[in-house]
């Protein structure tokens, strides 16, 4: 019997580490799992996440754009959830990554 976590489980574990008021990117999450080219797979994992237990709204694309917003209750839900946590946005509607990008510590 193996105890190795699936790719999705690894993604969910990392996303749960992102604190309120911060975001990460699909690429950073993929890199943390040592699959740098798997950013799109991270997106697929988050599309299947239970948002009650995985804060998928805290993952944006490399430009801070809310590319996952179509998988929430309404197209505005993702932004509203981030704003509730204090995340600020640039005039173009992307997250201000200079202020809100979460950096994982290396273990």
N, C-alpha and C. Protein backbone atom coordinates (compact mmCIF):
# COMPACT_ATOMS: atom_id res chain seq x y z
N UNK A 1 0.85 -1.18 0.00
CA UNK A 1 0.00 0.00 0.00
C UNK A 1 0.89 1.24 0.00
N UNK A 2 0.59 2.18 -0.89
CA UNK A 2 1.41 3.39 -0.99
C UNK A 2 0.77 4.55 -0.24
N UNK A 3 1.60 5.40 0.31
CA UNK A 3 1.10 6.58 1.00
C UNK A 3 1.43 7.85 0.22
N UNK A 4 1.95 7.66 -0.99
CA UNK A 4 2.31 8.80 -1.83
C UNK A 4 1.04 9.56 -2.23
N UNK A 5 1.10 10.88 -2.12
CA UNK A 5 -0.06 11.70 -2.45
C UNK A 5 -0.19 11.88 -3.95
N UNK A 6 -1.43 11.98 -4.40
CA UNK A 6 -1.69 12.24 -5.80
C UNK A 6 -1.30 13.69 -6.13
N UNK A 7 -1.18 13.98 -7.40
CA UNK A 7 -0.88 15.34 -7.84
C UNK A 7 -1.93 16.32 -7.29
N UNK A 8 -3.19 15.97 -7.41
CA UNK A 8 -4.26 16.85 -6.92
C UNK A 8 -4.11 17.10 -5.42
N UNK A 9 -3.84 16.05 -4.66
CA UNK A 9 -3.67 16.21 -3.21
C UNK A 9 -2.50 17.13 -2.89
N UNK A 10 -1.41 17.00 -3.65
CA UNK A 10 -0.26 17.88 -3.44
C UNK A 10 -0.63 19.34 -3.73
N UNK A 11 -1.37 19.55 -4.80
CA UNK A 11 -1.83 20.90 -5.14
C UNK A 11 -2.69 21.46 -4.01
N UNK A 12 -3.66 20.68 -3.57
CA UNK A 12 -4.57 21.15 -2.52
C UNK A 12 -3.82 21.46 -1.23
N UNK A 13 -2.86 20.62 -0.87
CA UNK A 13 -2.06 20.88 0.34
C UNK A 13 -1.32 22.21 0.24
N UNK A 14 -0.74 22.50 -0.92
CA UNK A 14 -0.03 23.76 -1.10
C UNK A 14 -0.98 24.95 -1.07
N UNK A 15 -2.10 24.84 -1.74
CA UNK A 15 -3.05 25.95 -1.79
C UNK A 15 -3.58 26.27 -0.40
N UNK A 16 -3.74 25.27 0.42
CA UNK A 16 -4.20 25.51 1.80
C UNK A 16 -3.17 26.29 2.62
N UNK A 17 -1.92 26.34 2.18
CA UNK A 17 -0.87 27.09 2.88
C UNK A 17 -0.89 28.58 2.56
N UNK A 18 -1.60 28.98 1.52
CA UNK A 18 -1.64 30.39 1.13
C UNK A 18 -2.54 31.12 2.12
N UNK A 19 -1.99 32.09 2.87
CA UNK A 19 -2.81 32.77 3.88
C UNK A 19 -3.79 33.77 3.27
N UNK A 20 -4.79 34.13 4.05
CA UNK A 20 -5.73 35.17 3.64
C UNK A 20 -4.96 36.41 3.26
N UNK A 21 -5.43 37.09 2.23
CA UNK A 21 -4.79 38.33 1.80
C UNK A 21 -3.64 38.13 0.83
N UNK A 22 -3.38 36.88 0.46
CA UNK A 22 -2.28 36.57 -0.46
C UNK A 22 -2.78 35.65 -1.57
N UNK A 23 -2.02 35.61 -2.65
CA UNK A 23 -2.30 34.70 -3.76
C UNK A 23 -0.99 34.04 -4.18
N UNK A 24 -1.13 32.97 -4.93
CA UNK A 24 0.01 32.35 -5.60
C UNK A 24 -0.41 32.15 -7.05
N UNK A 25 0.49 31.59 -7.84
CA UNK A 25 0.18 31.37 -9.24
C UNK A 25 0.20 29.88 -9.57
N UNK A 26 -0.43 29.54 -10.67
CA UNK A 26 -0.44 28.14 -11.12
C UNK A 26 0.99 27.64 -11.30
N UNK A 27 1.83 28.47 -11.89
CA UNK A 27 3.22 28.09 -12.14
C UNK A 27 4.03 27.88 -10.88
N UNK A 28 3.84 28.75 -9.90
CA UNK A 28 4.55 28.61 -8.62
C UNK A 28 4.14 27.32 -7.94
N UNK A 29 2.84 27.03 -7.94
CA UNK A 29 2.35 25.78 -7.33
C UNK A 29 2.99 24.59 -8.04
N UNK A 30 2.99 24.61 -9.36
CA UNK A 30 3.59 23.50 -10.13
C UNK A 30 5.07 23.35 -9.80
N UNK A 31 5.76 24.46 -9.70
CA UNK A 31 7.20 24.42 -9.38
C UNK A 31 7.44 23.84 -7.99
N UNK A 32 6.56 24.14 -7.05
CA UNK A 32 6.70 23.60 -5.70
C UNK A 32 6.56 22.07 -5.68
N UNK A 33 5.81 21.54 -6.64
CA UNK A 33 5.63 20.09 -6.73
C UNK A 33 6.73 19.48 -7.61
N UNK A 34 7.65 20.32 -8.07
CA UNK A 34 8.75 19.91 -8.94
C UNK A 34 8.29 19.49 -10.32
N UNK A 35 7.22 20.10 -10.78
CA UNK A 35 6.72 19.88 -12.14
C UNK A 35 6.47 21.24 -12.77
N UNK A 36 7.53 21.97 -13.00
CA UNK A 36 7.44 23.36 -13.43
C UNK A 36 6.53 23.56 -14.64
N UNK A 37 6.49 22.61 -15.54
CA UNK A 37 5.69 22.76 -16.76
C UNK A 37 4.24 22.33 -16.57
N UNK A 38 3.82 22.08 -15.35
CA UNK A 38 2.48 21.55 -15.10
C UNK A 38 1.49 22.59 -14.60
N UNK A 39 1.71 23.86 -14.93
CA UNK A 39 0.80 24.91 -14.47
C UNK A 39 -0.64 24.64 -14.90
N UNK A 40 -0.83 24.19 -16.11
CA UNK A 40 -2.18 23.91 -16.60
C UNK A 40 -2.82 22.78 -15.79
N UNK A 41 -2.03 21.78 -15.41
CA UNK A 41 -2.55 20.68 -14.59
C UNK A 41 -2.98 21.19 -13.22
N UNK A 42 -2.26 22.19 -12.69
CA UNK A 42 -2.67 22.80 -11.42
C UNK A 42 -4.06 23.41 -11.59
N UNK A 43 -4.28 24.08 -12.71
CA UNK A 43 -5.60 24.64 -12.98
C UNK A 43 -6.68 23.58 -13.03
N UNK A 44 -6.40 22.46 -13.68
CA UNK A 44 -7.37 21.37 -13.73
C UNK A 44 -7.68 20.85 -12.33
N UNK A 45 -6.63 20.71 -11.52
CA UNK A 45 -6.84 20.24 -10.14
C UNK A 45 -7.76 21.21 -9.39
N UNK A 46 -7.50 22.50 -9.55
CA UNK A 46 -8.31 23.49 -8.82
C UNK A 46 -9.73 23.57 -9.34
N UNK A 47 -9.93 23.28 -10.62
CA UNK A 47 -11.29 23.23 -11.16
C UNK A 47 -12.12 22.15 -10.49
N UNK A 48 -11.44 21.12 -9.98
CA UNK A 48 -12.11 20.00 -9.32
C UNK A 48 -12.08 20.09 -7.80
N UNK A 49 -11.52 21.17 -7.28
CA UNK A 49 -11.38 21.31 -5.82
C UNK A 49 -12.71 21.63 -5.16
N UNK A 50 -12.84 21.18 -3.94
CA UNK A 50 -13.97 21.57 -3.09
C UNK A 50 -13.60 22.91 -2.48
N UNK A 51 -14.22 23.99 -2.93
CA UNK A 51 -13.81 25.32 -2.46
C UNK A 51 -14.16 25.57 -0.99
N UNK A 52 -14.91 24.66 -0.39
CA UNK A 52 -15.17 24.77 1.05
C UNK A 52 -13.93 24.36 1.84
N UNK A 53 -13.05 23.55 1.24
CA UNK A 53 -11.86 23.08 1.96
C UNK A 53 -10.55 23.49 1.30
N UNK A 54 -10.61 23.96 0.06
CA UNK A 54 -9.41 24.38 -0.67
C UNK A 54 -9.64 25.81 -1.16
N UNK A 55 -8.86 26.78 -0.70
CA UNK A 55 -9.06 28.18 -1.10
C UNK A 55 -8.55 28.45 -2.53
N UNK A 56 -9.19 27.83 -3.49
CA UNK A 56 -8.77 27.93 -4.89
C UNK A 56 -8.82 29.36 -5.42
N UNK A 57 -9.60 30.22 -4.77
CA UNK A 57 -9.69 31.62 -5.21
C UNK A 57 -8.36 32.35 -5.02
N UNK A 58 -7.44 31.77 -4.27
CA UNK A 58 -6.14 32.40 -4.01
C UNK A 58 -5.08 32.03 -5.04
N UNK A 59 -5.48 31.42 -6.14
CA UNK A 59 -4.52 31.06 -7.19
C UNK A 59 -4.91 31.80 -8.47
N UNK A 60 -3.95 32.55 -9.00
CA UNK A 60 -4.17 33.38 -10.19
C UNK A 60 -3.10 33.03 -11.23
N UNK A 61 -3.21 33.61 -12.41
CA UNK A 61 -2.17 33.33 -13.39
C UNK A 61 -0.94 34.20 -13.12
N UNK A 62 0.10 34.03 -13.90
CA UNK A 62 1.37 34.71 -13.64
C UNK A 62 1.30 36.22 -13.73
N UNK A 63 0.25 36.73 -14.36
CA UNK A 63 0.05 38.17 -14.46
C UNK A 63 -0.91 38.71 -13.41
N UNK A 64 -1.39 37.83 -12.54
CA UNK A 64 -2.34 38.25 -11.51
C UNK A 64 -3.78 38.26 -11.98
N UNK A 65 -4.03 37.70 -13.16
CA UNK A 65 -5.38 37.68 -13.71
C UNK A 65 -6.18 36.52 -13.12
N UNK A 66 -7.48 36.74 -12.96
CA UNK A 66 -8.37 35.75 -12.35
C UNK A 66 -8.88 34.78 -13.41
N UNK A 67 -8.00 33.96 -13.93
CA UNK A 67 -8.37 33.05 -15.01
C UNK A 67 -9.25 31.90 -14.55
N UNK A 68 -9.35 31.65 -13.26
CA UNK A 68 -10.19 30.57 -12.75
C UNK A 68 -11.58 31.02 -12.35
N UNK A 69 -11.92 32.28 -12.59
CA UNK A 69 -13.19 32.82 -12.09
C UNK A 69 -14.42 32.12 -12.65
N UNK A 70 -14.30 31.48 -13.80
CA UNK A 70 -15.44 30.79 -14.39
C UNK A 70 -15.86 29.55 -13.63
N UNK A 71 -15.05 29.11 -12.68
CA UNK A 71 -15.36 27.89 -11.92
C UNK A 71 -15.95 28.19 -10.55
N UNK A 72 -16.35 29.45 -10.35
CA UNK A 72 -16.98 29.83 -9.09
C UNK A 72 -18.46 30.10 -9.34
N UNK A 73 -19.18 30.43 -8.29
CA UNK A 73 -20.64 30.59 -8.36
C UNK A 73 -21.05 31.60 -9.43
N UNK A 74 -20.37 32.73 -9.47
CA UNK A 74 -20.59 33.74 -10.50
C UNK A 74 -19.21 34.21 -10.98
N UNK A 75 -19.14 34.89 -12.11
CA UNK A 75 -17.84 35.39 -12.57
C UNK A 75 -17.18 36.39 -11.60
N UNK A 76 -17.97 36.99 -10.73
CA UNK A 76 -17.42 37.97 -9.78
C UNK A 76 -17.05 37.37 -8.42
N UNK A 77 -17.43 36.12 -8.18
CA UNK A 77 -17.23 35.51 -6.86
C UNK A 77 -15.75 35.48 -6.46
N UNK A 78 -14.87 35.09 -7.37
CA UNK A 78 -13.45 34.98 -7.05
C UNK A 78 -12.90 36.33 -6.59
N UNK A 79 -13.18 37.37 -7.34
CA UNK A 79 -12.70 38.71 -6.98
C UNK A 79 -13.30 39.15 -5.63
N UNK A 80 -14.58 38.92 -5.43
CA UNK A 80 -15.22 39.30 -4.17
C UNK A 80 -14.59 38.59 -2.98
N UNK A 81 -14.28 37.31 -3.15
CA UNK A 81 -13.64 36.55 -2.06
C UNK A 81 -12.26 37.13 -1.74
N UNK A 82 -11.50 37.47 -2.78
CA UNK A 82 -10.18 38.05 -2.56
C UNK A 82 -10.28 39.43 -1.92
N UNK A 83 -11.20 40.26 -2.39
CA UNK A 83 -11.37 41.60 -1.80
C UNK A 83 -11.77 41.51 -0.33
N UNK A 84 -12.61 40.54 0.00
CA UNK A 84 -13.00 40.34 1.40
C UNK A 84 -11.79 40.05 2.28
N UNK A 85 -10.78 39.40 1.70
CA UNK A 85 -9.56 39.07 2.43
C UNK A 85 -8.54 40.21 2.39
N UNK A 86 -8.86 41.32 1.72
CA UNK A 86 -7.96 42.46 1.69
C UNK A 86 -7.04 42.53 0.48
N UNK A 87 -7.24 41.65 -0.49
CA UNK A 87 -6.42 41.67 -1.70
C UNK A 87 -6.83 42.88 -2.54
N UNK A 88 -5.83 43.61 -3.03
CA UNK A 88 -6.10 44.78 -3.87
C UNK A 88 -5.80 44.46 -5.33
N UNK A 89 -6.43 45.23 -6.19
CA UNK A 89 -6.33 45.01 -7.63
C UNK A 89 -5.78 46.24 -8.33
N UNK A 90 -5.12 46.00 -9.44
CA UNK A 90 -4.62 47.08 -10.30
C UNK A 90 -5.78 47.61 -11.14
N UNK A 91 -5.59 48.77 -11.75
CA UNK A 91 -6.66 49.32 -12.60
C UNK A 91 -7.11 48.38 -13.73
N UNK A 92 -6.24 47.49 -14.18
CA UNK A 92 -6.62 46.57 -15.25
C UNK A 92 -7.40 45.35 -14.74
N UNK A 93 -7.64 45.28 -13.43
CA UNK A 93 -8.42 44.18 -12.85
C UNK A 93 -7.60 43.01 -12.36
N UNK A 94 -6.28 43.07 -12.52
CA UNK A 94 -5.43 41.98 -12.03
C UNK A 94 -5.01 42.24 -10.59
N UNK A 95 -4.65 41.18 -9.89
CA UNK A 95 -4.20 41.29 -8.50
C UNK A 95 -2.86 42.02 -8.47
N UNK A 96 -2.69 42.88 -7.47
CA UNK A 96 -1.42 43.57 -7.27
C UNK A 96 -0.43 42.57 -6.67
N UNK A 97 0.29 41.88 -7.55
CA UNK A 97 1.21 40.82 -7.11
C UNK A 97 2.37 41.37 -6.29
N UNK A 98 2.75 42.62 -6.50
CA UNK A 98 3.82 43.21 -5.69
C UNK A 98 3.45 43.22 -4.21
N UNK A 99 2.18 43.34 -3.91
CA UNK A 99 1.71 43.40 -2.52
C UNK A 99 1.21 42.07 -1.99
N UNK A 100 0.71 41.20 -2.87
CA UNK A 100 -0.04 40.04 -2.39
C UNK A 100 0.48 38.67 -2.82
N UNK A 101 1.64 38.62 -3.47
CA UNK A 101 2.15 37.32 -3.89
C UNK A 101 2.76 36.58 -2.70
N UNK A 102 2.26 35.38 -2.45
CA UNK A 102 2.75 34.54 -1.36
C UNK A 102 3.96 33.74 -1.84
N UNK A 103 5.00 33.75 -1.05
CA UNK A 103 6.21 32.99 -1.36
C UNK A 103 6.29 31.79 -0.40
N UNK A 104 6.30 30.61 -0.96
CA UNK A 104 6.44 29.40 -0.16
C UNK A 104 7.85 29.32 0.38
N UNK A 105 7.99 28.87 1.61
CA UNK A 105 9.35 28.67 2.15
C UNK A 105 9.85 27.32 1.68
N UNK A 106 11.12 27.26 1.40
CA UNK A 106 11.72 26.00 0.95
C UNK A 106 12.02 25.13 2.15
N UNK A 107 11.60 23.89 2.06
CA UNK A 107 11.85 22.97 3.18
C UNK A 107 12.89 21.95 2.83
